[in-house]
Amino acid sequence: MLVHWYSLSTAVVKWQSVCSYVFQLHSGVRQGGVLSPVLFGVYVNSLIYALISSGLGCHVAGVHVGCVMYADDLLLMSGSLHNLQYC
């Protein structure tokens, strides 16, 4: 049901009093939508789990600190540029 609902998402751009043509959205979640924080959390949780499972990123005293997150901002950290680009 969610896949179908999100596949029907469209938008317009309004600049001053002029609106663009309607266009289809292919990615993202609806800003201000009730489910948006939950869907974002599910996506980010799997992304962070994949990063931890890869063993890449920074580790301090055996604790993975390869990503720091606040709200929808995500900071990725690595001991080398190569490992950061590998992810």
Protein backbone atom coordinates (compact mmCIF):
# COMPACT_ATOMS: atom_id res chain seq x y z
CA MET A 1 0.00 0.00 0.00
CA LEU A 2 2.82 2.42 0.88
CA VAL A 3 4.71 1.68 -2.33
CA HIS A 4 1.58 2.35 -4.38
CA TRP A 5 0.80 5.51 -2.41
CA TYR A 6 4.30 6.91 -2.80
CA SER A 7 4.44 5.97 -6.50
CA LEU A 8 1.53 8.38 -7.07
CA SER A 9 3.34 11.36 -5.47
CA THR A 10 3.38 14.51 -7.57
CA ALA A 11 4.42 18.10 -6.94
CA VAL A 12 4.45 21.57 -8.41
CA VAL A 13 6.87 24.43 -7.89
CA LYS A 14 5.36 27.81 -7.09
CA TRP A 15 7.42 30.93 -7.63
CA GLN A 16 5.63 34.13 -6.67
CA SER A 17 2.21 33.64 -8.30
CA VAL A 18 3.31 31.26 -11.09
CA CYS A 19 3.04 27.45 -10.78
CA SER A 20 5.04 24.92 -12.77
CA TYR A 21 3.61 21.90 -14.51
CA VAL A 22 2.82 18.90 -12.30
CA PHE A 23 5.72 16.43 -12.13
CA GLN A 24 6.11 13.02 -10.52
CA LEU A 25 8.36 12.49 -7.48
CA HIS A 26 10.62 9.44 -7.74
CA SER A 27 12.29 9.48 -4.32
CA GLY A 28 12.10 10.95 -0.84
CA VAL A 29 9.41 11.20 1.77
CA ARG A 30 6.68 13.79 2.08
CA GLN A 31 7.73 16.84 4.05
CA GLY A 32 5.38 17.21 7.00
CA GLY A 33 3.84 13.78 6.44
CA VAL A 34 2.81 11.81 9.52
CA LEU A 35 4.69 8.69 8.36
CA SER A 36 7.77 10.53 7.10
CA PRO A 37 9.79 10.39 10.36
CA VAL A 38 9.04 6.68 10.76
CA LEU A 39 9.98 5.83 7.17
CA PHE A 40 13.14 7.94 7.42
CA GLY A 41 14.07 6.18 10.68
CA VAL A 42 13.63 2.74 9.11
CA TYR A 43 15.81 3.70 6.16
CA VAL A 44 18.54 5.34 8.23
CA ASN A 45 18.58 2.49 10.76
CA SER A 46 19.33 -0.05 8.01
CA LEU A 47 21.97 2.26 6.55
CA ILE A 48 23.74 2.66 9.90
CA TYR A 49 23.55 -1.09 10.56
CA ALA A 50 25.19 -1.76 7.17
CA LEU A 51 27.97 0.71 8.01
CA ILE A 52 28.63 -0.90 11.42
CA SER A 53 28.54 -4.41 9.89
CA SER A 54 31.10 -3.40 7.25
CA GLY A 55 33.67 -2.65 9.97
CA LEU A 56 34.50 0.64 8.26
CA GLY A 57 34.53 4.01 10.00
CA CYS A 58 36.10 5.21 13.23
CA HIS A 59 36.37 3.10 16.36
CA VAL A 60 37.24 4.45 19.80
CA ALA A 61 37.98 1.88 22.53
CA GLY A 62 36.17 -0.77 20.48
CA VAL A 63 33.03 1.35 20.03
CA HIS A 64 31.95 2.28 16.50
CA VAL A 65 31.71 6.04 16.11
CA GLY A 66 31.73 6.08 12.31
CA CYS A 67 28.55 8.11 12.08
CA VAL A 68 27.02 10.78 14.23
CA MET A 69 23.42 11.74 13.63
CA TYR A 70 21.23 14.60 14.82
CA ALA A 71 17.69 14.82 13.42
CA ASP A 72 18.18 14.39 9.65
CA ASP A 73 21.85 15.39 9.57
CA LEU A 74 24.37 12.55 9.28
CA LEU A 75 28.15 12.88 9.70
CA LEU A 76 30.28 9.98 8.43
CA MET A 77 33.79 9.62 9.89
CA SER A 78 36.66 7.40 8.88
CA GLY A 79 40.35 7.08 9.66
CA SER A 80 41.23 7.20 5.97
CA LEU A 81 39.89 8.80 2.82
CA HIS A 82 39.96 5.42 1.05
CA ASN A 83 37.62 3.79 3.60
CA LEU A 84 35.29 6.79 3.54
CA GLN A 85 34.98 6.54 -0.24
CA TYR A 86 34.57 2.76 -0.07
CA CYS A 87 31.22 3.02 1.70
